[in-house]
Amino acid sequence: SQQKIVLRTQLVDESSGKPLNVHQAFVLLRNKATGQEIIFVAEA
């Protein structure tokens, strides 16, 4: 509870290699014991 989880990713167009903005970029955390899920939005 005193820490934070950080994830950072770079998405690019396969043909041009330029950074890509997408409509949906989510991070899903699922409890492996109960199956409970919670979804967060990843912001650019």
PDB file of all heavy atoms in Angstrom:
ATOM      1  N   SER A   1       0.800  -1.224   0.000  1.00  0.00           N
ATOM      2  CA  SER A   1       0.000   0.000   0.000  1.00  0.00           C
ATOM      3  C   SER A   1       0.833   1.274   0.000  1.00  0.00           C
ATOM      4  O   SER A   1       0.301   2.362  -0.171  1.00  0.00           O
ATOM      5  CB  SER A   1      -0.940  -0.003   1.212  1.00  0.00           C
ATOM      6  OG  SER A   1      -0.187  -0.102   2.409  1.00  0.00           O
ATOM      7  N   GLN A   2       2.149   1.159   0.193  1.00  0.00           N
ATOM      8  CA  GLN A   2       3.023   2.325   0.167  1.00  0.00           C
ATOM      9  C   GLN A   2       3.707   2.494  -1.198  1.00  0.00           C
ATOM     10  O   GLN A   2       4.529   3.401  -1.358  1.00  0.00           O
ATOM     11  CB  GLN A   2       4.102   2.181   1.257  1.00  0.00           C
ATOM     12  CG  GLN A   2       3.565   2.004   2.666  1.00  0.00           C
ATOM     13  CD  GLN A   2       2.728   3.178   3.126  1.00  0.00           C
ATOM     14  OE1 GLN A   2       3.087   4.328   2.849  1.00  0.00           O
ATOM     15  NE2 GLN A   2       1.624   2.907   3.798  1.00  0.00           N
ATOM     16  N   GLN A   3       3.341   1.669  -2.153  1.00  0.00           N
ATOM     17  CA  GLN A   3       4.025   1.693  -3.435  1.00  0.00           C
ATOM     18  C   GLN A   3       3.043   1.938  -4.585  1.00  0.00           C
ATOM     19  O   GLN A   3       1.824   1.969  -4.402  1.00  0.00           O
ATOM     20  CB  GLN A   3       4.767   0.364  -3.638  1.00  0.00           C
ATOM     21  CG  GLN A   3       5.915   0.141  -2.645  1.00  0.00           C
ATOM     22  CD  GLN A   3       6.579  -1.191  -2.850  1.00  0.00           C
ATOM     23  OE1 GLN A   3       5.918  -2.240  -2.869  1.00  0.00           O
ATOM     24  NE2 GLN A   3       7.907  -1.173  -2.993  1.00  0.00           N
ATOM     25  N   LYS A   4       3.607   2.083  -5.756  1.00  0.00           N
ATOM     26  CA  LYS A   4       2.814   2.276  -6.965  1.00  0.00           C
ATOM     27  C   LYS A   4       3.327   1.345  -8.057  1.00  0.00           C
ATOM     28  O   LYS A   4       4.498   0.948  -8.062  1.00  0.00           O
ATOM     29  CB  LYS A   4       2.890   3.722  -7.436  1.00  0.00           C
ATOM     30  CG  LYS A   4       4.304   4.194  -7.801  1.00  0.00           C
ATOM     31  CD  LYS A   4       4.316   5.657  -8.190  1.00  0.00           C
ATOM     32  CE  LYS A   4       5.753   6.131  -8.498  1.00  0.00           C
ATOM     33  NZ  LYS A   4       5.791   7.573  -8.857  1.00  0.00           N
ATOM     34  N   ILE A   5       2.415   0.997  -8.991  1.00  0.00           N
ATOM     35  CA  ILE A   5       2.752   0.162 -10.139  1.00  0.00           C
ATOM     36  C   ILE A   5       2.764   1.057 -11.371  1.00  0.00           C
ATOM     37  O   ILE A   5       1.815   1.810 -11.619  1.00  0.00           O
ATOM     38  CB  ILE A   5       1.743  -0.985 -10.316  1.00  0.00           C
ATOM     39  CG1 ILE A   5       1.697  -1.856  -9.058  1.00  0.00           C
ATOM     40  CG2 ILE A   5       2.068  -1.823 -11.534  1.00  0.00           C
ATOM     41  CD1 ILE A   5       0.592  -2.893  -9.075  1.00  0.00           C
ATOM     42  N   VAL A   6       3.811   0.993 -12.159  1.00  0.00           N
ATOM     43  CA  VAL A   6       3.973   1.844 -13.330  1.00  0.00           C
ATOM     44  C   VAL A   6       4.189   0.975 -14.563  1.00  0.00           C
ATOM     45  O   VAL A   6       4.974   0.015 -14.532  1.00  0.00           O
ATOM     46  CB  VAL A   6       5.169   2.811 -13.153  1.00  0.00           C
ATOM     47  CG1 VAL A   6       5.349   3.661 -14.409  1.00  0.00           C
ATOM     48  CG2 VAL A   6       4.961   3.692 -11.940  1.00  0.00           C
ATOM     49  N   LEU A   7       3.448   1.302 -15.638  1.00  0.00           N
ATOM     50  CA  LEU A   7       3.617   0.614 -16.918  1.00  0.00           C
ATOM     51  C   LEU A   7       3.678   1.670 -18.013  1.00  0.00           C
ATOM     52  O   LEU A   7       2.848   2.590 -18.049  1.00  0.00           O
ATOM     53  CB  LEU A   7       2.473  -0.365 -17.166  1.00  0.00           C
ATOM     54  CG  LEU A   7       2.507  -1.203 -18.455  1.00  0.00           C
ATOM     55  CD1 LEU A   7       1.836  -2.560 -18.222  1.00  0.00           C
ATOM     56  CD2 LEU A   7       1.831  -0.504 -19.616  1.00  0.00           C
ATOM     57  N   ARG A   8       4.617   1.539 -18.921  1.00  0.00           N
ATOM     58  CA  ARG A   8       4.762   2.486 -20.031  1.00  0.00           C
ATOM     59  C   ARG A   8       5.069   1.704 -21.297  1.00  0.00           C
ATOM     60  O   ARG A   8       5.934   0.824 -21.307  1.00  0.00           O
ATOM     61  CB  ARG A   8       5.879   3.478 -19.744  1.00  0.00           C
ATOM     62  CG  ARG A   8       6.012   4.596 -20.774  1.00  0.00           C
ATOM     63  CD  ARG A   8       7.134   5.556 -20.386  1.00  0.00           C
ATOM     64  NE  ARG A   8       7.204   6.686 -21.292  1.00  0.00           N
ATOM     65  CZ  ARG A   8       7.865   6.683 -22.459  1.00  0.00           C
ATOM     66  NH1 ARG A   8       8.498   5.572 -22.852  1.00  0.00           N
ATOM     67  NH2 ARG A   8       7.894   7.752 -23.226  1.00  0.00           N
ATOM     68  N   THR A   9       4.337   2.030 -22.385  1.00  0.00           N
ATOM     69  CA  THR A   9       4.537   1.320 -23.640  1.00  0.00           C
ATOM     70  C   THR A   9       4.497   2.291 -24.807  1.00  0.00           C
ATOM     71  O   THR A   9       3.754   3.291 -24.771  1.00  0.00           O
ATOM     72  CB  THR A   9       3.484   0.216 -23.833  1.00  0.00           C
ATOM     73  OG1 THR A   9       3.761  -0.499 -25.038  1.00  0.00           O
ATOM     74  CG2 THR A   9       2.084   0.794 -23.929  1.00  0.00           C
ATOM     75  N   GLN A  10       5.263   1.974 -25.829  1.00  0.00           N
ATOM     76  CA  GLN A  10       5.292   2.780 -27.052  1.00  0.00           C
ATOM     77  C   GLN A  10       4.691   1.958 -28.176  1.00  0.00           C
ATOM     78  O   GLN A  10       5.183   0.875 -28.517  1.00  0.00           O
ATOM     79  CB  GLN A  10       6.724   3.157 -27.416  1.00  0.00           C
ATOM     80  CG  GLN A  10       6.850   4.054 -28.637  1.00  0.00           C
ATOM     81  CD  GLN A  10       6.467   5.492 -28.341  1.00  0.00           C
ATOM     82  OE1 GLN A  10       7.023   6.121 -27.452  1.00  0.00           O
ATOM     83  NE2 GLN A  10       5.504   6.015 -29.078  1.00  0.00           N
ATOM     84  N   LEU A  11       3.575   2.461 -28.756  1.00  0.00           N
ATOM     85  CA  LEU A  11       2.908   1.784 -29.869  1.00  0.00           C
ATOM     86  C   LEU A  11       3.236   2.524 -31.154  1.00  0.00           C
ATOM     87  O   LEU A  11       3.139   3.756 -31.215  1.00  0.00           O
ATOM     88  CB  LEU A  11       1.390   1.758 -29.655  1.00  0.00           C
ATOM     89  CG  LEU A  11       0.897   1.130 -28.346  1.00  0.00           C
ATOM     90  CD1 LEU A  11      -0.617   1.272 -28.236  1.00  0.00           C
ATOM     91  CD2 LEU A  11       1.305  -0.330 -28.263  1.00  0.00           C
ATOM     92  N   VAL A  12       3.592   1.778 -32.195  1.00  0.00           N
ATOM     93  CA  VAL A  12       3.950   2.399 -33.472  1.00  0.00           C
ATOM     94  C   VAL A  12       3.227   1.683 -34.603  1.00  0.00           C
ATOM     95  O   VAL A  12       2.760   0.544 -34.464  1.00  0.00           O
ATOM     96  CB  VAL A  12       5.481   2.342 -33.714  1.00  0.00           C
ATOM     97  CG1 VAL A  12       6.223   3.124 -32.651  1.00  0.00           C
ATOM     98  CG2 VAL A  12       5.974   0.899 -33.774  1.00  0.00           C
ATOM     99  N   ASP A  13       3.129   2.402 -35.741  1.00  0.00           N
ATOM    100  CA  ASP A  13       2.573   1.814 -36.959  1.00  0.00           C
ATOM    101  C   ASP A  13       3.617   0.874 -37.544  1.00  0.00           C
ATOM    102  O   ASP A  13       4.771   1.253 -37.739  1.00  0.00           O
ATOM    103  CB  ASP A  13       2.215   2.913 -37.957  1.00  0.00           C
ATOM    104  CG  ASP A  13       1.405   2.385 -39.123  1.00  0.00           C
ATOM    105  OD1 ASP A  13       1.892   1.450 -39.794  1.00  0.00           O
ATOM    106  OD2 ASP A  13       0.310   2.898 -39.375  1.00  0.00           O
ATOM    107  N   GLU A  14       3.206  -0.354 -37.847  1.00  0.00           N
ATOM    108  CA  GLU A  14       4.156  -1.354 -38.324  1.00  0.00           C
ATOM    109  C   GLU A  14       4.806  -0.964 -39.642  1.00  0.00           C
ATOM    110  O   GLU A  14       5.988  -1.239 -39.881  1.00  0.00           O
ATOM    111  CB  GLU A  14       3.457  -2.703 -38.469  1.00  0.00           C
ATOM    112  CG  GLU A  14       4.399  -3.857 -38.767  1.00  0.00           C
ATOM    113  CD  GLU A  14       3.673  -5.181 -38.881  1.00  0.00           C
ATOM    114  OE1 GLU A  14       3.113  -5.450 -39.961  1.00  0.00           O
ATOM    115  OE2 GLU A  14       3.659  -5.934 -37.884  1.00  0.00           O
ATOM    116  N   SER A  15       4.043  -0.311 -40.513  1.00  0.00           N
ATOM    117  CA  SER A  15       4.583   0.009 -41.836  1.00  0.00           C
ATOM    118  C   SER A  15       5.469   1.247 -41.818  1.00  0.00           C
ATOM    119  O   SER A  15       6.515   1.282 -42.464  1.00  0.00           O
ATOM    120  CB  SER A  15       3.442   0.210 -42.842  1.00  0.00           C
ATOM    121  OG  SER A  15       2.593   1.264 -42.409  1.00  0.00           O
ATOM    122  N   SER A  16       5.085   2.269 -41.060  1.00  0.00           N
ATOM    123  CA  SER A  16       5.841   3.528 -41.066  1.00  0.00           C
ATOM    124  C   SER A  16       6.774   3.677 -39.865  1.00  0.00           C
ATOM    125  O   SER A  16       7.720   4.456 -39.911  1.00  0.00           O
ATOM    126  CB  SER A  16       4.876   4.714 -41.105  1.00  0.00           C
ATOM    127  OG  SER A  16       4.100   4.764 -39.914  1.00  0.00           O
ATOM    128  N   GLY A  17       6.508   2.958 -38.798  1.00  0.00           N
ATOM    129  CA  GLY A  17       7.313   3.079 -37.592  1.00  0.00           C
ATOM    130  C   GLY A  17       7.028   4.325 -36.780  1.00  0.00           C
ATOM    131  O   GLY A  17       7.700   4.589 -35.782  1.00  0.00           O
ATOM    132  N   LYS A  18       5.997   5.070 -37.142  1.00  0.00           N
ATOM    133  CA  LYS A  18       5.653   6.293 -36.424  1.00  0.00           C
ATOM    134  C   LYS A  18       4.782   5.966 -35.212  1.00  0.00           C
ATOM    135  O   LYS A  18       4.016   4.989 -35.238  1.00  0.00           O
ATOM    136  CB  LYS A  18       4.912   7.257 -37.342  1.00  0.00           C
ATOM    137  CG  LYS A  18       5.764   7.766 -38.503  1.00  0.00           C
ATOM    138  CD  LYS A  18       4.953   8.718 -39.379  1.00  0.00           C
ATOM    139  CE  LYS A  18       5.793   9.235 -40.536  1.00  0.00           C
ATOM    140  NZ  LYS A  18       5.021  10.158 -41.412  1.00  0.00           N
ATOM    141  N   PRO A  19       4.911   6.776 -34.135  1.00  0.00           N
ATOM    142  CA  PRO A  19       4.047   6.550 -32.955  1.00  0.00           C
ATOM    143  C   PRO A  19       2.578   6.565 -33.342  1.00  0.00           C
ATOM    144  O   PRO A  19       2.144   7.339 -34.209  1.00  0.00           O
ATOM    145  CB  PRO A  19       4.407   7.717 -32.033  1.00  0.00           C
ATOM    146  CG  PRO A  19       5.781   8.112 -32.438  1.00  0.00           C
ATOM    147  CD  PRO A  19       5.855   7.880 -33.919  1.00  0.00           C
ATOM    148  N   LEU A  20       1.828   5.715 -32.674  1.00  0.00           N
ATOM    149  CA  LEU A  20       0.429   5.498 -33.053  1.00  0.00           C
ATOM    150  C   LEU A  20      -0.492   5.799 -31.879  1.00  0.00           C
ATOM    151  O   LEU A  20      -0.233   5.376 -30.756  1.00  0.00           O
ATOM    152  CB  LEU A  20       0.255   4.037 -33.484  1.00  0.00           C
ATOM    153  CG  LEU A  20      -1.031   3.638 -34.199  1.00  0.00           C
ATOM    154  CD1 LEU A  20      -1.129   4.323 -35.538  1.00  0.00           C
ATOM    155  CD2 LEU A  20      -1.056   2.127 -34.389  1.00  0.00           C
ATOM    156  N   ASN A  21      -1.538   6.550 -32.153  1.00  0.00           N
ATOM    157  CA  ASN A  21      -2.602   6.764 -31.168  1.00  0.00           C
ATOM    158  C   ASN A  21      -3.742   5.782 -31.460  1.00  0.00           C
ATOM    159  O   ASN A  21      -4.171   5.659 -32.617  1.00  0.00           O
ATOM    160  CB  ASN A  21      -3.133   8.191 -31.228  1.00  0.00           C
ATOM    161  CG  ASN A  21      -2.174   9.180 -30.610  1.00  0.00           C
ATOM    162  OD1 ASN A  21      -1.435   8.843 -29.693  1.00  0.00           O
ATOM    163  ND2 ASN A  21      -2.156  10.399 -31.129  1.00  0.00           N
ATOM    164  N   VAL A  22      -4.214   5.106 -30.450  1.00  0.00           N
ATOM    165  CA  VAL A  22      -5.290   4.133 -30.630  1.00  0.00           C
ATOM    166  C   VAL A  22      -6.517   4.573 -29.846  1.00  0.00           C
ATOM    167  O   VAL A  22      -6.436   5.375 -28.919  1.00  0.00           O
ATOM    168  CB  VAL A  22      -4.844   2.719 -30.173  1.00  0.00           C
ATOM    169  CG1 VAL A  22      -3.739   2.196 -31.066  1.00  0.00           C
ATOM    170  CG2 VAL A  22      -4.413   2.737 -28.716  1.00  0.00           C
ATOM    171  N   HIS A  23      -7.660   4.027 -30.250  1.00  0.00           N
ATOM    172  CA  HIS A  23      -8.917   4.372 -29.576  1.00  0.00           C
ATOM    173  C   HIS A  23      -8.993   3.792 -28.174  1.00  0.00           C
ATOM    174  O   HIS A  23      -9.542   4.408 -27.268  1.00  0.00           O
ATOM    175  CB  HIS A  23     -10.110   3.868 -30.398  1.00  0.00           C
ATOM    176  CG  HIS A  23     -10.262   4.565 -31.708  1.00  0.00           C
ATOM    177  ND1 HIS A  23     -10.941   4.019 -32.779  1.00  0.00           N
ATOM    178  CD2 HIS A  23      -9.814   5.766 -32.134  1.00  0.00           C
ATOM    179  CE1 HIS A  23     -10.910   4.854 -33.795  1.00  0.00           C
ATOM    180  NE2 HIS A  23     -10.233   5.917 -33.436  1.00  0.00           N
ATOM    181  N   GLN A  24      -8.459   2.613 -28.002  1.00  0.00           N
ATOM    182  CA  GLN A  24      -8.587   1.926 -26.716  1.00  0.00           C
ATOM    183  C   GLN A  24      -7.235   1.388 -26.273  1.00  0.00           C
ATOM    184  O   GLN A  24      -6.606   0.618 -26.996  1.00  0.00           O
ATOM    185  CB  GLN A  24      -9.585   0.756 -26.837  1.00  0.00           C
ATOM    186  CG  GLN A  24     -10.994   1.180 -27.209  1.00  0.00           C
ATOM    187  CD  GLN A  24     -11.887  -0.008 -27.487  1.00  0.00           C
ATOM    188  OE1 GLN A  24     -11.412  -1.090 -27.805  1.00  0.00           O
ATOM    189  NE2 GLN A  24     -13.186   0.188 -27.360  1.00  0.00           N
ATOM    190  N   ALA A  25      -6.804   1.827 -25.090  1.00  0.00           N
ATOM    191  CA  ALA A  25      -5.596   1.291 -24.465  1.00  0.00           C
ATOM    192  C   ALA A  25      -5.908   1.113 -22.984  1.00  0.00           C
ATOM    193  O   ALA A  25      -6.042   2.095 -22.242  1.00  0.00           O
ATOM    194  CB  ALA A  25      -4.408   2.229 -24.672  1.00  0.00           C
ATOM    195  N   PHE A  26      -6.070  -0.137 -22.570  1.00  0.00           N
ATOM    196  CA  PHE A  26      -6.490  -0.442 -21.206  1.00  0.00           C
ATOM    197  C   PHE A  26      -5.470  -1.343 -20.522  1.00  0.00           C
ATOM    198  O   PHE A  26      -4.779  -2.130 -21.179  1.00  0.00           O
ATOM    199  CB  PHE A  26      -7.854  -1.144 -21.181  1.00  0.00           C
ATOM    200  CG  PHE A  26      -8.965  -0.355 -21.799  1.00  0.00           C
ATOM    201  CD1 PHE A  26      -9.773  -0.917 -22.776  1.00  0.00           C
ATOM    202  CD2 PHE A  26      -9.219   0.945 -21.405  1.00  0.00           C
ATOM    203  CE1 PHE A  26     -10.805  -0.200 -23.351  1.00  0.00           C
ATOM    204  CE2 PHE A  26     -10.252   1.669 -21.967  1.00  0.00           C
ATOM    205  CZ  PHE A  26     -11.042   1.105 -22.939  1.00  0.00           C
ATOM    206  N   VAL A  27      -5.416  -1.222 -19.197  1.00  0.00           N
ATOM    207  CA  VAL A  27      -4.628  -2.147 -18.383  1.00  0.00           C
ATOM    208  C   VAL A  27      -5.603  -2.879 -17.457  1.00  0.00           C
ATOM    209  O   VAL A  27      -6.342  -2.240 -16.703  1.00  0.00           O
ATOM    210  CB  VAL A  27      -3.557  -1.404 -17.561  1.00  0.00           C
ATOM    211  CG1 VAL A  27      -2.839  -2.378 -16.637  1.00  0.00           C
ATOM    212  CG2 VAL A  27      -2.560  -0.720 -18.488  1.00  0.00           C
ATOM    213  N   LEU A  28      -5.623  -4.195 -17.549  1.00  0.00           N
ATOM    214  CA  LEU A  28      -6.560  -5.020 -16.786  1.00  0.00           C
ATOM    215  C   LEU A  28      -5.797  -5.764 -15.702  1.00  0.00           C
ATOM    216  O   LEU A  28      -4.783  -6.414 -15.986  1.00  0.00           O
ATOM    217  CB  LEU A  28      -7.276  -5.994 -17.710  1.00  0.00           C
ATOM    218  CG  LEU A  28      -8.321  -6.925 -17.077  1.00  0.00           C
ATOM    219  CD1 LEU A  28      -9.431  -7.218 -18.076  1.00  0.00           C
ATOM    220  CD2 LEU A  28      -7.713  -8.259 -16.614  1.00  0.00           C
ATOM    221  N   LEU A  29      -6.281  -5.680 -14.474  1.00  0.00           N
ATOM    222  CA  LEU A  29      -5.724  -6.460 -13.356  1.00  0.00           C
ATOM    223  C   LEU A  29      -6.765  -7.479 -12.916  1.00  0.00           C
ATOM    224  O   LEU A  29      -7.918  -7.115 -12.634  1.00  0.00           O
ATOM    225  CB  LEU A  29      -5.351  -5.545 -12.185  1.00  0.00           C
ATOM    226  CG  LEU A  29      -3.984  -4.837 -12.297  1.00  0.00           C
ATOM    227  CD1 LEU A  29      -4.095  -3.635 -13.220  1.00  0.00           C
ATOM    228  CD2 LEU A  29      -3.478  -4.394 -10.931  1.00  0.00           C
ATOM    229  N   ARG A  30      -6.366  -8.738 -12.868  1.00  0.00           N
ATOM    230  CA  ARG A  30      -7.297  -9.808 -12.523  1.00  0.00           C
ATOM    231  C   ARG A  30      -6.726 -10.604 -11.347  1.00  0.00           C
ATOM    232  O   ARG A  30      -5.569 -11.051 -11.380  1.00  0.00           O
ATOM    233  CB  ARG A  30      -7.520 -10.743 -13.698  1.00  0.00           C
ATOM    234  CG  ARG A  30      -8.463 -11.906 -13.374  1.00  0.00           C
ATOM    235  CD  ARG A  30      -8.560 -12.925 -14.480  1.00  0.00           C
ATOM    236  NE  ARG A  30      -9.191 -12.385 -15.673  1.00  0.00           N
ATOM    237  CZ  ARG A  30      -8.548 -12.131 -16.812  1.00  0.00           C
ATOM    238  NH1 ARG A  30      -7.236 -12.363 -16.893  1.00  0.00           N
ATOM    239  NH2 ARG A  30      -9.181 -11.655 -17.848  1.00  0.00           N
ATOM    240  N   ASN A  31      -7.537 -10.774 -10.299  1.00  0.00           N
ATOM    241  CA  ASN A  31      -7.147 -11.577  -9.146  1.00  0.00           C
ATOM    242  C   ASN A  31      -7.122 -13.042  -9.569  1.00  0.00           C
ATOM    243  O   ASN A  31      -8.141 -13.602  -9.984  1.00  0.00           O
ATOM    244  CB  ASN A  31      -8.138 -11.367  -7.999  1.00  0.00           C
ATOM    245  CG  ASN A  31      -7.672 -11.996  -6.702  1.00  0.00           C
ATOM    246  OD1 ASN A  31      -7.283 -13.156  -6.655  1.00  0.00           O
ATOM    247  ND2 ASN A  31      -7.704 -11.211  -5.633  1.00  0.00           N
ATOM    248  N   LYS A  32      -5.987 -13.670  -9.468  1.00  0.00           N
ATOM    249  CA  LYS A  32      -5.833 -15.035  -9.976  1.00  0.00           C
ATOM    250  C   LYS A  32      -6.570 -16.052  -9.115  1.00  0.00           C
ATOM    251  O   LYS A  32      -6.872 -17.159  -9.577  1.00  0.00           O
ATOM    252  CB  LYS A  32      -4.350 -15.396 -10.056  1.00  0.00           C
ATOM    253  CG  LYS A  32      -3.569 -14.478 -10.992  1.00  0.00           C
ATOM    254  CD  LYS A  32      -2.136 -14.931 -11.200  1.00  0.00           C
ATOM    255  CE  LYS A  32      -2.064 -16.099 -12.147  1.00  0.00           C
ATOM    256  NZ  LYS A  32      -0.680 -16.434 -12.528  1.00  0.00           N
ATOM    257  N   ALA A  33      -6.897 -15.676  -7.903  1.00  0.00           N
ATOM    258  CA  ALA A  33      -7.610 -16.605  -7.018  1.00  0.00           C
ATOM    259  C   ALA A  33      -9.116 -16.492  -7.188  1.00  0.00           C
ATOM    260  O   ALA A  33      -9.819 -17.506  -7.264  1.00  0.00           O
ATOM    261  CB  ALA A  33      -7.216 -16.337  -5.564  1.00  0.00           C
ATOM    262  N   THR A  34      -9.621 -15.283  -7.255  1.00  0.00           N
ATOM    263  CA  THR A  34     -11.074 -15.064  -7.307  1.00  0.00           C
ATOM    264  C   THR A  34     -11.591 -14.740  -8.704  1.00  0.00           C
ATOM    265  O   THR A  34     -12.799 -14.826  -8.953  1.00  0.00           O
ATOM    266  CB  THR A  34     -11.466 -13.929  -6.362  1.00  0.00           C
ATOM    267  OG1 THR A  34     -10.883 -12.693  -6.834  1.00  0.00           O
ATOM    268  CG2 THR A  34     -10.986 -14.185  -4.945  1.00  0.00           C
ATOM    269  N   GLY A  35     -10.697 -14.332  -9.599  1.00  0.00           N
ATOM    270  CA  GLY A  35     -11.134 -13.944 -10.946  1.00  0.00           C
ATOM    271  C   GLY A  35     -11.679 -12.533 -11.027  1.00  0.00           C
ATOM    272  O   GLY A  35     -12.124 -12.099 -12.093  1.00  0.00           O
ATOM    273  N   GLN A  36     -11.665 -11.803  -9.911  1.00  0.00           N
ATOM    274  CA  GLN A  36     -12.166 -10.433  -9.905  1.00  0.00           C
ATOM    275  C   GLN A  36     -11.291  -9.565 -10.818  1.00  0.00           C
ATOM    276  O   GLN A  36     -10.063  -9.664 -10.804  1.00  0.00           O
ATOM    277  CB  GLN A  36     -12.155  -9.860  -8.490  1.00  0.00           C
ATOM    278  CG  GLN A  36     -12.590  -8.405  -8.399  1.00  0.00           C
ATOM    279  CD  GLN A  36     -12.374  -7.826  -7.013  1.00  0.00           C
ATOM    280  OE1 GLN A  36     -11.906  -8.534  -6.123  1.00  0.00           O
ATOM    281  NE2 GLN A  36     -12.687  -6.555  -6.840  1.00  0.00           N
ATOM    282  N   GLU A  37     -11.934  -8.705 -11.635  1.00  0.00           N
ATOM    283  CA  GLU A  37     -11.208  -7.875 -12.588  1.00  0.00           C
ATOM    284  C   GLU A  37     -11.469  -6.395 -12.330  1.00  0.00           C
ATOM    285  O   GLU A  37     -12.551  -6.018 -11.880  1.00  0.00           O
ATOM    286  CB  GLU A  37     -11.634  -8.201 -14.027  1.00  0.00           C
ATOM    287  CG  GLU A  37     -11.300  -9.600 -14.478  1.00  0.00           C
ATOM    288  CD  GLU A  37     -11.752  -9.865 -15.905  1.00  0.00           C
ATOM    289  OE1 GLU A  37     -12.467  -9.004 -16.462  1.00  0.00           O
ATOM    290  OE2 GLU A  37     -11.390 -10.917 -16.462  1.00  0.00           O
ATOM    291  N   ILE A  38     -10.461  -5.585 -12.631  1.00  0.00           N
ATOM    292  CA  ILE A  38     -10.627  -4.141 -12.602  1.00  0.00           C
ATOM    293  C   ILE A  38      -9.788  -3.577 -13.742  1.00  0.00           C
ATOM    294  O   ILE A  38      -8.664  -4.033 -13.990  1.00  0.00           O
ATOM    295  CB  ILE A  38     -10.217  -3.536 -11.243  1.00  0.00           C
ATOM    296  CG1 ILE A  38     -10.492  -2.038 -11.230  1.00  0.00           C
ATOM    297  CG2 ILE A  38      -8.777  -3.835 -10.902  1.00  0.00           C
ATOM    298  CD1 ILE A  38     -10.435  -1.424  -9.846  1.00  0.00           C
ATOM    299  N   ILE A  39     -10.352  -2.628 -14.485  1.00  0.00           N
ATOM    300  CA  ILE A  39      -9.725  -2.106 -15.700  1.00  0.00           C
ATOM    301  C   ILE A  39      -9.417  -0.631 -15.520  1.00  0.00           C
ATOM    302  O   ILE A  39     -10.250   0.139 -15.031  1.00  0.00           O
ATOM    303  CB  ILE A  39     -10.630  -2.326 -16.924  1.00  0.00           C
ATOM    304  CG1 ILE A  39     -10.844  -3.827 -17.159  1.00  0.00           C
ATOM    305  CG2 ILE A  39     -10.035  -1.688 -18.170  1.00  0.00           C
ATOM    306  CD1 ILE A  39     -11.787  -4.145 -18.296  1.00  0.00           C
ATOM    307  N   PHE A  40      -8.232  -0.218 -15.954  1.00  0.00           N
ATOM    308  CA  PHE A  40      -7.795   1.167 -15.919  1.00  0.00           C
ATOM    309  C   PHE A  40      -7.469   1.620 -17.346  1.00  0.00           C
ATOM    310  O   PHE A  40      -7.089   0.804 -18.198  1.00  0.00           O
ATOM    311  CB  PHE A  40      -6.553   1.338 -15.033  1.00  0.00           C
ATOM    312  CG  PHE A  40      -6.786   0.959 -13.596  1.00  0.00           C
ATOM    313  CD1 PHE A  40      -6.516  -0.336 -13.143  1.00  0.00           C
ATOM    314  CD2 PHE A  40      -7.280   1.883 -12.688  1.00  0.00           C
ATOM    315  CE1 PHE A  40      -6.728  -0.689 -11.828  1.00  0.00           C
ATOM    316  CE2 PHE A  40      -7.491   1.522 -11.358  1.00  0.00           C
ATOM    317  CZ  PHE A  40      -7.213   0.244 -10.933  1.00  0.00           C
ATOM    318  N   VAL A  41      -7.600   2.915 -17.586  1.00  0.00           N
ATOM    319  CA  VAL A  41      -7.290   3.484 -18.891  1.00  0.00           C
ATOM    320  C   VAL A  41      -5.835   3.940 -18.900  1.00  0.00           C
ATOM    321  O   VAL A  41      -5.388   4.643 -17.982  1.00  0.00           O
ATOM    322  CB  VAL A  41      -8.216   4.674 -19.215  1.00  0.00           C
ATOM    323  CG1 VAL A  41      -7.850   5.296 -20.557  1.00  0.00           C
ATOM    324  CG2 VAL A  41      -9.667   4.230 -19.220  1.00  0.00           C
ATOM    325  N   ALA A  42      -5.117   3.556 -19.943  1.00  0.00           N
ATOM    326  CA  ALA A  42      -3.744   4.038 -20.137  1.00  0.00           C
ATOM    327  C   ALA A  42      -3.794   5.307 -20.975  1.00  0.00           C
ATOM    328  O   ALA A  42      -4.399   5.310 -22.054  1.00  0.00           O
ATOM    329  CB  ALA A  42      -2.899   2.974 -20.826  1.00  0.00           C
ATOM    330  N   GLU A  43      -3.200   6.372 -20.466  1.00  0.00           N
ATOM    331  CA  GLU A  43      -3.252   7.665 -21.137  1.00  0.00           C
ATOM    332  C   GLU A  43      -1.961   7.911 -21.911  1.00  0.00           C
ATOM    333  O   GLU A  43      -0.875   7.500 -21.501  1.00  0.00           O
ATOM    334  CB  GLU A  43      -3.449   8.786 -20.102  1.00  0.00           C
ATOM    335  CG  GLU A  43      -4.708   8.647 -19.267  1.00  0.00           C
ATOM    336  CD  GLU A  43      -5.971   8.971 -20.037  1.00  0.00           C
ATOM    337  OE1 GLU A  43      -5.846   9.433 -21.199  1.00  0.00           O
ATOM    338  OE2 GLU A  43      -7.068   8.757 -19.490  1.00  0.00           O
ATOM    339  N   ALA A  44      -2.103   8.613 -23.065  1.00  0.00           N
ATOM    340  CA  ALA A  44      -0.934   8.961 -23.872  1.00  0.00           C
ATOM    341  C   ALA A  44      -0.275  10.211 -23.299  1.00  0.00           C
ATOM    342  O   ALA A  44      -0.959  11.177 -22.934  1.00  0.00           O
ATOM    343  CB  ALA A  44      -1.351   9.192 -25.312  1.00  0.00           C
TER     344      ALA A  44
END
